[in-house]
Amino acid sequence: MTAFAAIETLLYDVSRLFLAPVMLLIGIALAYALVMLGAFAVEAWQRNSNTHPKALFIHARQGTTGQTPMASDDLELWIMKRLEWLRIVSRTAPMLGLIATMIPMGPALLALGSGNAAEVGRNMVAAFSAVILALLAASICFFILGIRRRWLLQDLRELERQREVLG
């Protein structure tokens, strides 16, 4: 075995070790996206019926010290922190899907070369299922992120207008 073949084998073996953790992360991302979708639906319903407790207003009141209100910069940081996991999942899930697609492609191509159609199919199912679920999780999180960002920025603007009126 040449040195190059040994390196190829080592890289292949190492990449196969990552398949299970990547698949687990995709499952976690999808579960997170579905939980966030439920929370988003509740929040949308509450905002439509004007019964939503505006978390930004509550946070601003809790952060007020004496007569000094919490600065808008601090509230913007709070908004970013609140949206952080949605942004992370919407950006990393497609990468995880790509990783989970590429790892089984090696064995699928080897099986194709040896004429083992059943092995090709088994690996392709795993590859495409992973990317579909990862893209679904990313899409859900991206959708929620965009709307929730707008809602929170509208709340921030409303809070700033209230502060201007009160002096």
Protein backbone atom coordinates (compact mmCIF):
# COMPACT_ATOMS: atom_id res chain seq x y z
CA MET A 1 0.00 0.00 0.00
CA THR A 2 1.42 3.36 -0.96
CA ALA A 3 1.58 6.31 1.39
CA PHE A 4 -1.08 8.10 -0.63
CA ALA A 5 -3.47 5.13 -0.35
CA ALA A 6 -2.85 4.97 3.40
CA ILE A 7 -3.69 8.68 3.73
CA GLU A 8 -6.86 8.19 1.67
CA THR A 9 -7.93 5.29 3.86
CA LEU A 10 -7.21 7.26 7.02
CA LEU A 11 -9.21 10.27 5.77
CA TYR A 12 -12.10 8.01 4.78
CA ASP A 13 -12.11 6.29 8.18
CA VAL A 14 -11.99 9.61 10.03
CA SER A 15 -14.80 11.08 7.94
CA ARG A 16 -17.00 8.03 8.65
CA LEU A 17 -16.58 8.74 12.39
CA PHE A 18 -18.35 12.07 11.88
CA LEU A 19 -21.46 10.67 10.22
CA ALA A 20 -23.28 9.73 13.44
CA PRO A 21 -22.58 13.03 15.27
CA VAL A 22 -23.58 15.04 12.19
CA MET A 23 -26.81 13.06 11.83
CA LEU A 24 -27.49 13.63 15.53
CA LEU A 25 -26.92 17.37 15.12
CA ILE A 26 -29.30 17.43 12.16
CA GLY A 27 -31.91 15.68 14.30
CA ILE A 28 -31.39 18.21 17.08
CA ALA A 29 -31.60 21.10 14.60
CA LEU A 30 -34.87 19.75 13.20
CA ALA A 31 -36.33 19.25 16.68
CA TYR A 32 -35.27 22.79 17.63
CA ALA A 33 -36.83 24.17 14.44
CA LEU A 34 -40.12 22.42 15.12
CA VAL A 35 -40.22 23.64 18.73
CA MET A 36 -39.45 27.17 17.54
CA LEU A 37 -42.18 26.87 14.89
CA GLY A 38 -44.68 26.04 17.62
CA ALA A 39 -43.51 28.95 19.77
CA PHE A 40 -43.63 31.21 16.71
CA ALA A 41 -47.21 30.16 15.95
CA VAL A 42 -48.27 30.93 19.52
CA GLU A 43 -46.49 34.30 19.43
CA ALA A 44 -48.08 35.16 16.07
CA TRP A 45 -51.52 34.30 17.43
CA GLN A 46 -50.88 36.39 20.56
CA ARG A 47 -49.60 39.34 18.54
CA ASN A 48 -52.66 39.14 16.30
CA SER A 49 -54.99 39.19 19.29
CA ASN A 50 -52.93 41.87 21.14
CA THR A 51 -52.36 39.58 24.12
CA HIS A 52 -48.63 39.07 23.61
CA PRO A 53 -46.49 40.05 26.62
CA LYS A 54 -43.75 42.03 24.88
CA ALA A 55 -40.55 40.51 26.23
CA LEU A 56 -38.50 43.51 25.09
CA PHE A 57 -40.58 45.87 27.25
CA ILE A 58 -40.28 43.53 30.23
CA HIS A 59 -36.51 43.27 29.74
CA ALA A 60 -36.20 47.07 29.39
CA ARG A 61 -38.11 47.59 32.65
CA GLN A 62 -35.96 45.05 34.49
CA GLY A 63 -32.77 46.66 33.19
CA THR A 64 -33.75 50.17 34.27
CA THR A 65 -31.64 51.47 37.13
CA GLY A 66 -33.24 54.31 39.07
CA GLN A 67 -34.38 56.91 36.56
CA THR A 68 -31.93 55.78 33.84
CA PRO A 69 -33.65 53.63 31.23
CA MET A 70 -31.80 50.80 29.55
CA ALA A 71 -29.93 52.06 26.49
CA SER A 72 -31.14 51.12 23.00
CA ASP A 73 -27.74 49.53 22.27
CA ASP A 74 -28.22 47.17 25.21
CA LEU A 75 -31.71 46.31 23.98
CA GLU A 76 -30.35 45.62 20.49
CA LEU A 77 -27.78 43.27 22.01
CA TRP A 78 -30.57 41.53 23.88
CA ILE A 79 -32.48 41.14 20.58
CA MET A 80 -29.39 39.68 18.89
CA LYS A 81 -28.88 37.26 21.78
CA ARG A 82 -32.52 36.20 21.63
CA LEU A 83 -32.27 35.49 17.90
CA GLU A 84 -28.80 33.93 18.01
CA TRP A 85 -29.75 30.24 17.96
CA LEU A 86 -32.22 30.74 15.14
CA ARG A 87 -29.46 32.38 13.12
CA ILE A 88 -26.92 29.69 13.99
CA VAL A 89 -29.25 26.83 13.06
CA SER A 90 -30.40 28.51 9.84
CA ARG A 91 -26.78 28.91 8.74
CA THR A 92 -25.18 25.69 9.97
CA ALA A 93 -27.90 23.16 9.20
CA PRO A 94 -27.27 23.28 5.41
CA MET A 95 -23.55 22.71 6.03
CA LEU A 96 -24.35 19.74 8.25
CA GLY A 97 -26.64 18.43 5.52
CA LEU A 98 -23.86 18.71 3.00
CA ILE A 99 -21.47 16.84 5.28
CA ALA A 100 -24.07 14.14 5.91
CA THR A 101 -24.60 13.87 2.15
CA MET A 102 -20.95 13.65 1.19
CA ILE A 103 -19.88 11.03 3.75
CA PRO A 104 -22.17 8.26 2.39
CA MET A 105 -21.40 9.23 -1.21
CA GLY A 106 -17.94 7.59 -1.01
CA PRO A 107 -19.31 4.14 -0.16
CA ALA A 108 -22.11 4.63 -2.69
CA LEU A 109 -19.63 5.34 -5.46
CA LEU A 110 -17.51 2.34 -4.44
CA ALA A 111 -20.61 0.14 -4.50
CA LEU A 112 -21.56 1.55 -7.90
CA GLY A 113 -18.14 0.62 -9.23
CA SER A 114 -18.56 -2.95 -8.02
CA GLY A 115 -22.14 -3.23 -9.32
CA ASN A 116 -23.80 -3.48 -5.89
CA ALA A 117 -27.02 -1.53 -6.54
CA ALA A 118 -28.54 -2.31 -3.13
CA GLU A 119 -25.56 -0.75 -1.34
CA VAL A 120 -25.71 2.29 -3.63
CA GLY A 121 -29.38 2.77 -2.80
CA ARG A 122 -28.86 2.36 0.94
CA ASN A 123 -26.13 5.00 1.00
CA MET A 124 -28.04 7.39 -1.25
CA VAL A 125 -31.14 7.21 0.95
CA ALA A 126 -29.06 8.15 4.00
CA ALA A 127 -27.35 10.96 2.10
CA PHE A 128 -30.47 12.56 0.68
CA SER A 129 -32.59 12.11 3.80
CA ALA A 130 -30.00 13.98 5.84
CA VAL A 131 -29.78 16.91 3.47
CA ILE A 132 -33.57 17.19 3.17
CA LEU A 133 -34.05 17.30 6.94
CA ALA A 134 -31.18 19.76 7.38
CA LEU A 135 -32.58 22.09 4.73
CA LEU A 136 -36.03 21.84 6.27
CA ALA A 137 -34.65 22.82 9.68
CA ALA A 138 -32.68 25.70 8.15
CA SER A 139 -35.68 26.95 6.19
CA ILE A 140 -37.97 26.94 9.21
CA CYS A 141 -35.41 28.76 11.34
CA PHE A 142 -34.65 31.30 8.62
CA PHE A 143 -38.36 32.06 8.18
CA ILE A 144 -38.90 32.50 11.93
CA LEU A 145 -35.70 34.55 12.27
CA GLY A 146 -36.79 37.07 9.65
CA ILE A 147 -40.22 37.67 11.09
CA ARG A 148 -39.18 37.59 14.74
CA ARG A 149 -36.38 40.07 13.99
CA ARG A 150 -38.94 42.45 12.47
CA TRP A 151 -41.28 42.03 15.43
CA LEU A 152 -38.54 42.75 17.96
CA LEU A 153 -37.28 45.77 16.03
CA GLN A 154 -40.85 47.08 15.83
CA ASP A 155 -41.11 46.64 19.60
CA LEU A 156 -37.81 48.47 20.04
CA ARG A 157 -39.01 51.34 17.88
CA GLU A 158 -42.29 51.49 19.82
CA LEU A 159 -40.35 51.58 23.10
CA GLU A 160 -38.12 54.38 21.78
CA ARG A 161 -41.18 56.39 20.69
CA GLN A 162 -42.73 55.95 24.15
CA ARG A 163 -39.50 57.21 25.70
CA GLU A 164 -39.49 60.25 23.38
CA VAL A 165 -43.08 61.10 24.39
CA LEU A 166 -42.33 60.73 28.10
CA GLY A 167 -39.20 62.83 27.80
